[in-house]
All heavy atoms as atom14 arrays in JSON, in Angstrom:
{
  "sequence": "PGKERECVAAHSRVGGNTYVANSVKGRFTISRDNAMNTLYLQMNS",
  "atom14_mask": [
    [1, 1, 1, 1, 1, 1, 1, 0, 0, 0, 0, 0, 0, 0],
    [1, 1, 1, 1, 0, 0, 0, 0, 0, 0, 0, 0, 0, 0],
    [1, 1, 1, 1, 1, 1, 1, 1, 1, 0, 0, 0, 0, 0],
    [1, 1, 1, 1, 1, 1, 1, 1, 1, 0, 0, 0, 0, 0],
    [1, 1, 1, 1, 1, 1, 1, 1, 1, 1, 1, 0, 0, 0],
    [1, 1, 1, 1, 1, 1, 1, 1, 1, 0, 0, 0, 0, 0],
    [1, 1, 1, 1, 1, 1, 0, 0, 0, 0, 0, 0, 0, 0],
    [1, 1, 1, 1, 1, 1, 1, 0, 0, 0, 0, 0, 0, 0],
    [1, 1, 1, 1, 1, 0, 0, 0, 0, 0, 0, 0, 0, 0],
    [1, 1, 1, 1, 1, 0, 0, 0, 0, 0, 0, 0, 0, 0],
    [1, 1, 1, 1, 1, 1, 1, 1, 1, 1, 0, 0, 0, 0],
    [1, 1, 1, 1, 1, 1, 0, 0, 0, 0, 0, 0, 0, 0],
    [1, 1, 1, 1, 1, 1, 1, 1, 1, 1, 1, 0, 0, 0],
    [1, 1, 1, 1, 1, 1, 1, 0, 0, 0, 0, 0, 0, 0],
    [1, 1, 1, 1, 0, 0, 0, 0, 0, 0, 0, 0, 0, 0],
    [1, 1, 1, 1, 0, 0, 0, 0, 0, 0, 0, 0, 0, 0],
    [1, 1, 1, 1, 1, 1, 1, 1, 0, 0, 0, 0, 0, 0],
    [1, 1, 1, 1, 1, 1, 1, 0, 0, 0, 0, 0, 0, 0],
    [1, 1, 1, 1, 1, 1, 1, 1, 1, 1, 1, 1, 0, 0],
    [1, 1, 1, 1, 1, 1, 1, 0, 0, 0, 0, 0, 0, 0],
    [1, 1, 1, 1, 1, 0, 0, 0, 0, 0, 0, 0, 0, 0],
    [1, 1, 1, 1, 1, 1, 1, 1, 0, 0, 0, 0, 0, 0],
    [1, 1, 1, 1, 1, 1, 0, 0, 0, 0, 0, 0, 0, 0],
    [1, 1, 1, 1, 1, 1, 1, 0, 0, 0, 0, 0, 0, 0],
    [1, 1, 1, 1, 1, 1, 1, 1, 1, 0, 0, 0, 0, 0],
    [1, 1, 1, 1, 0, 0, 0, 0, 0, 0, 0, 0, 0, 0],
    [1, 1, 1, 1, 1, 1, 1, 1, 1, 1, 1, 0, 0, 0],
    [1, 1, 1, 1, 1, 1, 1, 1, 1, 1, 1, 0, 0, 0],
    [1, 1, 1, 1, 1, 1, 1, 0, 0, 0, 0, 0, 0, 0],
    [1, 1, 1, 1, 1, 1, 1, 1, 0, 0, 0, 0, 0, 0],
    [1, 1, 1, 1, 1, 1, 0, 0, 0, 0, 0, 0, 0, 0],
    [1, 1, 1, 1, 1, 1, 1, 1, 1, 1, 1, 0, 0, 0],
    [1, 1, 1, 1, 1, 1, 1, 1, 0, 0, 0, 0, 0, 0],
    [1, 1, 1, 1, 1, 1, 1, 1, 0, 0, 0, 0, 0, 0],
    [1, 1, 1, 1, 1, 0, 0, 0, 0, 0, 0, 0, 0, 0],
    [1, 1, 1, 1, 1, 1, 1, 1, 0, 0, 0, 0, 0, 0],
    [1, 1, 1, 1, 1, 1, 1, 1, 0, 0, 0, 0, 0, 0],
    [1, 1, 1, 1, 1, 1, 1, 0, 0, 0, 0, 0, 0, 0],
    [1, 1, 1, 1, 1, 1, 1, 1, 0, 0, 0, 0, 0, 0],
    [1, 1, 1, 1, 1, 1, 1, 1, 1, 1, 1, 1, 0, 0],
    [1, 1, 1, 1, 1, 1, 1, 1, 0, 0, 0, 0, 0, 0],
    [1, 1, 1, 1, 1, 1, 1, 1, 1, 0, 0, 0, 0, 0],
    [1, 1, 1, 1, 1, 1, 1, 1, 0, 0, 0, 0, 0, 0],
    [1, 1, 1, 1, 1, 1, 1, 1, 0, 0, 0, 0, 0, 0],
    [1, 1, 1, 1, 1, 1, 0, 0, 0, 0, 0, 0, 0, 0]
  ],
  "atom14_positions": [
    [[41.44, 29.86, -23.73], [41.17, 31.25, -24.06], [40.29, 31.39, -25.29], [40.51, 30.74, -26.31], [42.56, 31.83, -24.31], [43.46, 31.0, -23.48], [42.88, 29.61, -23.57], [0.0, 0.0, 0.0], [0.0, 0.0, 0.0], [0.0, 0.0, 0.0], [0.0, 0.0, 0.0], [0.0, 0.0, 0.0], [0.0, 0.0, 0.0], [0.0, 0.0, 0.0]],
    [[39.26, 32.24, -25.17], [38.37, 32.5, -26.29], [37.25, 31.51, -26.47], [36.44, 31.68, -27.39], [0.0, 0.0, 0.0], [0.0, 0.0, 0.0], [0.0, 0.0, 0.0], [0.0, 0.0, 0.0], [0.0, 0.0, 0.0], [0.0, 0.0, 0.0], [0.0, 0.0, 0.0], [0.0, 0.0, 0.0], [0.0, 0.0, 0.0], [0.0, 0.0, 0.0]],
    [[37.19, 30.48, -25.63], [36.14, 29.49, -25.75], [35.36, 29.37, -24.44], [35.85, 29.75, -23.38], [36.72, 28.12, -26.12], [37.32, 28.06, -27.51], [37.7, 26.64, -27.89], [38.23, 26.56, -29.31], [38.56, 25.16, -29.69], [0.0, 0.0, 0.0], [0.0, 0.0, 0.0], [0.0, 0.0, 0.0], [0.0, 0.0, 0.0], [0.0, 0.0, 0.0]],
    [[34.15, 28.86, -24.56], [33.29, 28.68, -23.39], [33.76, 27.5, -22.56], [34.38, 26.56, -23.06], [31.84, 28.48, -23.82], [31.22, 29.67, -24.51], [29.76, 29.45, -24.85], [29.28, 28.31, -24.74], [29.09, 30.43, -25.23], [0.0, 0.0, 0.0], [0.0, 0.0, 0.0], [0.0, 0.0, 0.0], [0.0, 0.0, 0.0], [0.0, 0.0, 0.0]],
    [[33.46, 27.58, -21.29], [33.77, 26.48, -20.38], [32.92, 25.27, -20.74], [31.7, 25.37, -20.89], [33.51, 26.92, -18.95], [34.08, 26.01, -17.89], [34.06, 26.69, -16.52], [34.9, 27.89, -16.51], [35.14, 28.59, -15.41], [34.63, 28.24, -14.25], [35.92, 29.68, -15.49], [0.0, 0.0, 0.0], [0.0, 0.0, 0.0], [0.0, 0.0, 0.0]],
    [[33.55, 24.11, -20.86], [32.84, 22.9, -21.24], [32.98, 21.83, -20.17], [34.02, 21.72, -19.51], [33.35, 22.35, -22.58], [34.77, 21.83, -22.56], [35.14, 21.04, -23.79], [34.23, 20.54, -24.48], [36.35, 20.92, -24.08], [0.0, 0.0, 0.0], [0.0, 0.0, 0.0], [0.0, 0.0, 0.0], [0.0, 0.0, 0.0], [0.0, 0.0, 0.0]],
    [[31.94, 21.04, -20.03], [31.95, 19.96, -19.06], [32.73, 18.77, -19.62], [32.44, 18.3, -20.72], [30.53, 19.53, -18.72], [30.43, 18.26, -17.44], [0.0, 0.0, 0.0], [0.0, 0.0, 0.0], [0.0, 0.0, 0.0], [0.0, 0.0, 0.0], [0.0, 0.0, 0.0], [0.0, 0.0, 0.0], [0.0, 0.0, 0.0], [0.0, 0.0, 0.0]],
    [[33.7, 18.32, -18.87], [34.49, 17.16, -19.24], [33.89, 15.89, -18.64], [33.81, 14.85, -19.3], [35.95, 17.32, -18.79], [36.76, 16.07, -19.08], [36.57, 18.54, -19.47], [0.0, 0.0, 0.0], [0.0, 0.0, 0.0], [0.0, 0.0, 0.0], [0.0, 0.0, 0.0], [0.0, 0.0, 0.0], [0.0, 0.0, 0.0], [0.0, 0.0, 0.0]],
    [[33.49, 15.98, -17.38], [32.92, 14.83, -16.68], [32.11, 15.32, -15.5], [32.36, 16.4, -14.97], [34.03, 13.88, -16.21], [0.0, 0.0, 0.0], [0.0, 0.0, 0.0], [0.0, 0.0, 0.0], [0.0, 0.0, 0.0], [0.0, 0.0, 0.0], [0.0, 0.0, 0.0], [0.0, 0.0, 0.0], [0.0, 0.0, 0.0], [0.0, 0.0, 0.0]],
    [[31.13, 14.52, -15.08], [30.28, 14.88, -13.95], [29.92, 13.63, -13.16], [29.9, 12.52, -13.71], [29.02, 15.6, -14.43], [0.0, 0.0, 0.0], [0.0, 0.0, 0.0], [0.0, 0.0, 0.0], [0.0, 0.0, 0.0], [0.0, 0.0, 0.0], [0.0, 0.0, 0.0], [0.0, 0.0, 0.0], [0.0, 0.0, 0.0], [0.0, 0.0, 0.0]],
    [[29.61, 13.83, -11.87], [29.35, 12.73, -10.96], [28.19, 13.1, -10.06], [28.16, 14.19, -9.48], [30.6, 12.43, -10.13], [30.65, 11.07, -9.52], [29.71, 10.6, -8.64], [31.56, 10.07, -9.66], [30.02, 9.38, -8.26], [31.14, 9.04, -8.87], [0.0, 0.0, 0.0], [0.0, 0.0, 0.0], [0.0, 0.0, 0.0], [0.0, 0.0, 0.0]],
    [[27.23, 12.19, -9.9], [26.09, 12.44, -9.05], [26.48, 12.39, -7.57], [27.56, 11.89, -7.21], [24.98, 11.43, -9.32], [25.41, 10.12, -9.0], [0.0, 0.0, 0.0], [0.0, 0.0, 0.0], [0.0, 0.0, 0.0], [0.0, 0.0, 0.0], [0.0, 0.0, 0.0], [0.0, 0.0, 0.0], [0.0, 0.0, 0.0], [0.0, 0.0, 0.0]],
    [[25.58, 12.88, -6.71], [25.83, 12.83, -5.28], [25.72, 11.4, -4.75], [26.51, 10.98, -3.89], [24.84, 13.74, -4.54], [24.92, 13.65, -3.03], [24.1, 14.74, -2.35], [22.7, 14.73, -2.72], [21.77, 13.98, -2.14], [22.09, 13.16, -1.14], [20.5, 14.05, -2.55], [0.0, 0.0, 0.0], [0.0, 0.0, 0.0], [0.0, 0.0, 0.0]],
    [[24.72, 10.67, -5.23], [24.52, 9.28, -4.83], [24.29, 8.44, -6.08], [23.93, 8.96, -7.14], [23.34, 9.1, -3.86], [23.59, 9.86, -2.56], [22.04, 9.56, -4.49], [0.0, 0.0, 0.0], [0.0, 0.0, 0.0], [0.0, 0.0, 0.0], [0.0, 0.0, 0.0], [0.0, 0.0, 0.0], [0.0, 0.0, 0.0], [0.0, 0.0, 0.0]],
    [[24.49, 7.15, -5.95], [24.2, 6.23, -7.02], [25.33, 6.01, -8.01], [25.23, 5.12, -8.85], [0.0, 0.0, 0.0], [0.0, 0.0, 0.0], [0.0, 0.0, 0.0], [0.0, 0.0, 0.0], [0.0, 0.0, 0.0], [0.0, 0.0, 0.0], [0.0, 0.0, 0.0], [0.0, 0.0, 0.0], [0.0, 0.0, 0.0], [0.0, 0.0, 0.0]],
    [[26.39, 6.8, -7.93], [27.53, 6.61, -8.81], [27.25, 6.86, -10.27], [27.93, 6.28, -11.14], [0.0, 0.0, 0.0], [0.0, 0.0, 0.0], [0.0, 0.0, 0.0], [0.0, 0.0, 0.0], [0.0, 0.0, 0.0], [0.0, 0.0, 0.0], [0.0, 0.0, 0.0], [0.0, 0.0, 0.0], [0.0, 0.0, 0.0], [0.0, 0.0, 0.0]],
    [[26.29, 7.71, -10.58], [25.99, 8.03, -11.98], [26.96, 9.07, -12.51], [27.2, 10.09, -11.86], [24.56, 8.55, -12.1], [23.55, 7.5, -11.68], [23.61, 6.36, -12.12], [22.61, 7.89, -10.81], [0.0, 0.0, 0.0], [0.0, 0.0, 0.0], [0.0, 0.0, 0.0], [0.0, 0.0, 0.0], [0.0, 0.0, 0.0], [0.0, 0.0, 0.0]],
    [[27.51, 8.81, -13.68], [28.55, 9.67, -14.22], [28.3, 10.03, -15.67], [27.6, 9.31, -16.39], [29.94, 9.01, -14.12], [29.94, 7.79, -14.87], [30.29, 8.72, -12.67], [0.0, 0.0, 0.0], [0.0, 0.0, 0.0], [0.0, 0.0, 0.0], [0.0, 0.0, 0.0], [0.0, 0.0, 0.0], [0.0, 0.0, 0.0], [0.0, 0.0, 0.0]],
    [[28.9, 11.13, -16.07], [28.9, 11.59, -17.45], [30.34, 11.86, -17.85], [31.12, 12.41, -17.07], [28.08, 12.87, -17.6], [28.37, 13.65, -18.86], [27.73, 13.34, -20.06], [29.29, 14.69, -18.86], [28.0, 14.04, -21.21], [29.57, 15.4, -20.01], [28.92, 15.08, -21.18], [29.19, 15.78, -22.33], [0.0, 0.0, 0.0], [0.0, 0.0, 0.0]],
    [[30.69, 11.47, -19.06], [32.0, 11.78, -19.62], [31.79, 12.28, -21.04], [31.07, 11.65, -21.82], [32.93, 10.55, -19.62], [34.29, 10.92, -20.19], [33.08, 9.99, -18.21], [0.0, 0.0, 0.0], [0.0, 0.0, 0.0], [0.0, 0.0, 0.0], [0.0, 0.0, 0.0], [0.0, 0.0, 0.0], [0.0, 0.0, 0.0], [0.0, 0.0, 0.0]],
    [[32.39, 13.4, -21.36], [32.25, 13.98, -22.69], [32.81, 13.04, -23.75], [33.79, 12.32, -23.52], [32.96, 15.32, -22.76], [0.0, 0.0, 0.0], [0.0, 0.0, 0.0], [0.0, 0.0, 0.0], [0.0, 0.0, 0.0], [0.0, 0.0, 0.0], [0.0, 0.0, 0.0], [0.0, 0.0, 0.0], [0.0, 0.0, 0.0], [0.0, 0.0, 0.0]],
    [[32.2, 13.06, -24.94], [32.65, 12.19, -26.02], [34.11, 12.42, -26.37], [34.82, 11.48, -26.73], [31.78, 12.4, -27.25], [30.4, 11.81, -27.1], [30.18, 10.89, -26.33], [29.44, 12.34, -27.85], [0.0, 0.0, 0.0], [0.0, 0.0, 0.0], [0.0, 0.0, 0.0], [0.0, 0.0, 0.0], [0.0, 0.0, 0.0], [0.0, 0.0, 0.0]],
    [[34.57, 13.66, -26.25], [35.93, 13.99, -26.63], [36.98, 13.33, -25.74], [38.14, 13.22, -26.14], [36.12, 15.51, -26.64], [35.85, 16.05, -25.36], [0.0, 0.0, 0.0], [0.0, 0.0, 0.0], [0.0, 0.0, 0.0], [0.0, 0.0, 0.0], [0.0, 0.0, 0.0], [0.0, 0.0, 0.0], [0.0, 0.0, 0.0], [0.0, 0.0, 0.0]],
    [[36.58, 12.92, -24.55], [37.53, 12.31, -23.62], [37.11, 10.92, -23.18], [37.8, 10.29, -22.37], [37.76, 13.2, -22.38], [38.28, 14.57, -22.8], [36.48, 13.35, -21.58], [0.0, 0.0, 0.0], [0.0, 0.0, 0.0], [0.0, 0.0, 0.0], [0.0, 0.0, 0.0], [0.0, 0.0, 0.0], [0.0, 0.0, 0.0], [0.0, 0.0, 0.0]],
    [[36.0, 10.43, -23.71], [35.5, 9.11, -23.32], [36.53, 8.04, -23.65], [37.12, 8.02, -24.72], [34.18, 8.83, -24.02], [33.44, 7.59, -23.49], [32.03, 7.51, -24.08], [31.18, 8.69, -23.65], [29.79, 8.59, -24.17], [0.0, 0.0, 0.0], [0.0, 0.0, 0.0], [0.0, 0.0, 0.0], [0.0, 0.0, 0.0], [0.0, 0.0, 0.0]],
    [[36.73, 7.15, -22.68], [37.72, 6.1, -22.84], [39.09, 6.49, -22.36], [39.97, 5.62, -22.21], [0.0, 0.0, 0.0], [0.0, 0.0, 0.0], [0.0, 0.0, 0.0], [0.0, 0.0, 0.0], [0.0, 0.0, 0.0], [0.0, 0.0, 0.0], [0.0, 0.0, 0.0], [0.0, 0.0, 0.0], [0.0, 0.0, 0.0], [0.0, 0.0, 0.0]],
    [[39.31, 7.78, -22.11], [40.6, 8.27, -21.63], [40.51, 8.89, -20.24], [41.45, 8.76, -19.45], [41.17, 9.31, -22.6], [41.41, 8.76, -24.01], [42.13, 9.78, -24.88], [41.34, 10.99, -25.1], [41.7, 12.21, -24.7], [42.85, 12.39, -24.06], [40.93, 13.25, -24.96], [0.0, 0.0, 0.0], [0.0, 0.0, 0.0], [0.0, 0.0, 0.0]],
    [[39.4, 9.56, -19.93], [39.23, 10.24, -18.65], [38.23, 9.48, -17.79], [37.23, 8.95, -18.3], [38.71, 11.66, -18.83], [39.71, 12.64, -19.41], [40.89, 12.21, -20.0], [39.44, 13.99, -19.38], [41.79, 13.11, -20.54], [40.33, 14.91, -19.91], [41.51, 14.47, -20.49], [0.0, 0.0, 0.0], [0.0, 0.0, 0.0], [0.0, 0.0, 0.0]],
    [[38.46, 9.46, -16.49], [37.55, 8.83, -15.54], [37.33, 9.75, -14.36], [38.3, 10.25, -13.77], [38.1, 7.48, -15.04], [38.34, 6.61, -16.15], [37.11, 6.82, -14.09], [0.0, 0.0, 0.0], [0.0, 0.0, 0.0], [0.0, 0.0, 0.0], [0.0, 0.0, 0.0], [0.0, 0.0, 0.0], [0.0, 0.0, 0.0], [0.0, 0.0, 0.0]],
    [[36.08, 9.99, -14.0], [35.75, 10.79, -12.83], [35.38, 9.85, -11.69], [34.73, 8.83, -11.9], [34.6, 11.78, -13.13], [34.4, 12.74, -11.96], [33.31, 11.05, -13.47], [33.45, 13.9, -12.27], [0.0, 0.0, 0.0], [0.0, 0.0, 0.0], [0.0, 0.0, 0.0], [0.0, 0.0, 0.0], [0.0, 0.0, 0.0], [0.0, 0.0, 0.0]],
    [[35.8, 10.2, -10.48], [35.52, 9.35, -9.33], [35.52, 10.17, -8.06], [36.01, 11.31, -8.03], [36.54, 8.21, -9.22], [37.85, 8.72, -9.02], [0.0, 0.0, 0.0], [0.0, 0.0, 0.0], [0.0, 0.0, 0.0], [0.0, 0.0, 0.0], [0.0, 0.0, 0.0], [0.0, 0.0, 0.0], [0.0, 0.0, 0.0], [0.0, 0.0, 0.0]],
    [[34.96, 9.6, -7.0], [34.94, 10.2, -5.68], [35.43, 9.17, -4.67], [35.19, 7.98, -4.83], [33.53, 10.68, -5.31], [32.9, 11.58, -6.36], [31.48, 11.99, -6.01], [31.45, 12.93, -4.9], [30.43, 13.75, -4.64], [29.35, 13.72, -5.42], [30.49, 14.55, -3.59], [0.0, 0.0, 0.0], [0.0, 0.0, 0.0], [0.0, 0.0, 0.0]],
    [[36.12, 9.64, -3.64], [36.59, 8.71, -2.63], [35.41, 8.25, -1.77], [34.33, 8.83, -1.8], [37.7, 9.33, -1.79], [37.21, 10.45, -0.89], [36.23, 11.14, -1.25], [37.81, 10.66, 0.18], [0.0, 0.0, 0.0], [0.0, 0.0, 0.0], [0.0, 0.0, 0.0], [0.0, 0.0, 0.0], [0.0, 0.0, 0.0], [0.0, 0.0, 0.0]],
    [[35.64, 7.2, -0.99], [34.55, 6.58, -0.23], [33.91, 7.53, 0.79], [32.71, 7.47, 1.03], [35.05, 5.33, 0.49], [35.38, 4.21, -0.47], [34.85, 4.14, -1.58], [36.26, 3.31, -0.05], [0.0, 0.0, 0.0], [0.0, 0.0, 0.0], [0.0, 0.0, 0.0], [0.0, 0.0, 0.0], [0.0, 0.0, 0.0], [0.0, 0.0, 0.0]],
    [[34.7, 8.41, 1.37], [34.2, 9.35, 2.36], [33.55, 10.57, 1.72], [33.04, 11.44, 2.44], [35.33, 9.8, 3.28], [0.0, 0.0, 0.0], [0.0, 0.0, 0.0], [0.0, 0.0, 0.0], [0.0, 0.0, 0.0], [0.0, 0.0, 0.0], [0.0, 0.0, 0.0], [0.0, 0.0, 0.0], [0.0, 0.0, 0.0], [0.0, 0.0, 0.0]],
    [[33.6, 10.66, 0.4], [33.01, 11.76, -0.35], [33.68, 13.1, -0.01], [33.04, 14.15, -0.04], [31.51, 11.85, -0.11], [30.76, 10.56, -0.4], [30.82, 10.07, -2.14], [29.51, 11.09, -2.81], [0.0, 0.0, 0.0], [0.0, 0.0, 0.0], [0.0, 0.0, 0.0], [0.0, 0.0, 0.0], [0.0, 0.0, 0.0], [0.0, 0.0, 0.0]],
    [[34.97, 13.04, 0.3], [35.72, 14.24, 0.62], [36.5, 14.8, -0.56], [36.86, 15.98, -0.55], [36.7, 13.97, 1.76], [36.0, 13.68, 3.07], [34.91, 14.18, 3.32], [36.64, 12.87, 3.91], [0.0, 0.0, 0.0], [0.0, 0.0, 0.0], [0.0, 0.0, 0.0], [0.0, 0.0, 0.0], [0.0, 0.0, 0.0], [0.0, 0.0, 0.0]],
    [[36.76, 13.96, -1.55], [37.63, 14.35, -2.66], [37.04, 13.9, -3.99], [36.51, 12.79, -4.1], [39.03, 13.75, -2.48], [39.53, 14.05, -1.19], [39.98, 14.31, -3.53], [0.0, 0.0, 0.0], [0.0, 0.0, 0.0], [0.0, 0.0, 0.0], [0.0, 0.0, 0.0], [0.0, 0.0, 0.0], [0.0, 0.0, 0.0], [0.0, 0.0, 0.0]],
    [[37.16, 14.75, -4.98], [36.77, 14.44, -6.36], [38.05, 14.28, -7.18], [38.99, 15.06, -7.03], [35.92, 15.57, -6.93], [35.51, 15.43, -8.39], [34.42, 14.37, -8.54], [35.04, 16.77, -8.94], [0.0, 0.0, 0.0], [0.0, 0.0, 0.0], [0.0, 0.0, 0.0], [0.0, 0.0, 0.0], [0.0, 0.0, 0.0], [0.0, 0.0, 0.0]],
    [[38.06, 13.29, -8.06], [39.22, 13.01, -8.89], [38.86, 13.03, -10.36], [37.74, 12.73, -10.76], [39.82, 11.65, -8.56], [40.28, 11.49, -7.13], [39.49, 10.82, -6.21], [41.5, 11.99, -6.72], [39.9, 10.66, -4.9], [41.92, 11.84, -5.41], [41.12, 11.18, -4.51], [41.54, 11.03, -3.21], [0.0, 0.0, 0.0], [0.0, 0.0, 0.0]],
    [[39.85, 13.38, -11.18], [39.76, 13.2, -12.61], [41.04, 12.52, -13.07], [42.11, 13.14, -13.07], [39.57, 14.53, -13.35], [39.38, 14.41, -14.86], [38.05, 13.73, -15.18], [39.44, 15.77, -15.54], [0.0, 0.0, 0.0], [0.0, 0.0, 0.0], [0.0, 0.0, 0.0], [0.0, 0.0, 0.0], [0.0, 0.0, 0.0], [0.0, 0.0, 0.0]],
    [[40.95, 11.25, -13.42], [42.08, 10.51, -13.95], [42.12, 10.72, -15.45], [41.17, 10.38, -16.15], [41.96, 9.02, -13.63], [43.1, 8.18, -14.16], [44.42, 8.5, -13.52], [44.51, 8.63, -12.31], [45.46, 8.66, -14.33], [0.0, 0.0, 0.0], [0.0, 0.0, 0.0], [0.0, 0.0, 0.0], [0.0, 0.0, 0.0], [0.0, 0.0, 0.0]],
    [[43.21, 11.27, -15.94], [43.37, 11.6, -17.35], [44.49, 10.76, -17.93], [45.65, 10.92, -17.54], [43.66, 13.09, -17.54], [42.6, 14.0, -16.92], [42.9, 15.75, -17.28], [44.41, 15.99, -16.35], [0.0, 0.0, 0.0], [0.0, 0.0, 0.0], [0.0, 0.0, 0.0], [0.0, 0.0, 0.0], [0.0, 0.0, 0.0], [0.0, 0.0, 0.0]],
    [[44.15, 9.87, -18.84], [45.13, 9.01, -19.5], [45.21, 9.34, -20.98], [44.3, 9.95, -21.54], [44.75, 7.54, -19.33], [44.75, 7.09, -17.89], [45.54, 7.56, -17.08], [43.87, 6.14, -17.56], [0.0, 0.0, 0.0], [0.0, 0.0, 0.0], [0.0, 0.0, 0.0], [0.0, 0.0, 0.0], [0.0, 0.0, 0.0], [0.0, 0.0, 0.0]],
    [[46.29, 8.93, -21.61], [46.49, 9.15, -23.05], [46.23, 10.6, -23.43], [45.52, 10.88, -24.4], [45.59, 8.2, -23.85], [45.86, 6.85, -23.54], [0.0, 0.0, 0.0], [0.0, 0.0, 0.0], [0.0, 0.0, 0.0], [0.0, 0.0, 0.0], [0.0, 0.0, 0.0], [0.0, 0.0, 0.0], [0.0, 0.0, 0.0], [0.0, 0.0, 0.0]]
  ]
}
C-alpha cells in the first residue's frame, strides 16, 4: 500500500534469460515449466 508496483523477477519467452531484483537476488528464483504452461517464483529465506 502506498508504493508503486515493482518488478521482482522476469523471464524471457525463449532463451531462458532472467532478471532478479537486487533486493531478492540469491533468495528468489523465477522459472517456467518445460511445456511453458506455468510460471513459478520460488521464494526462500
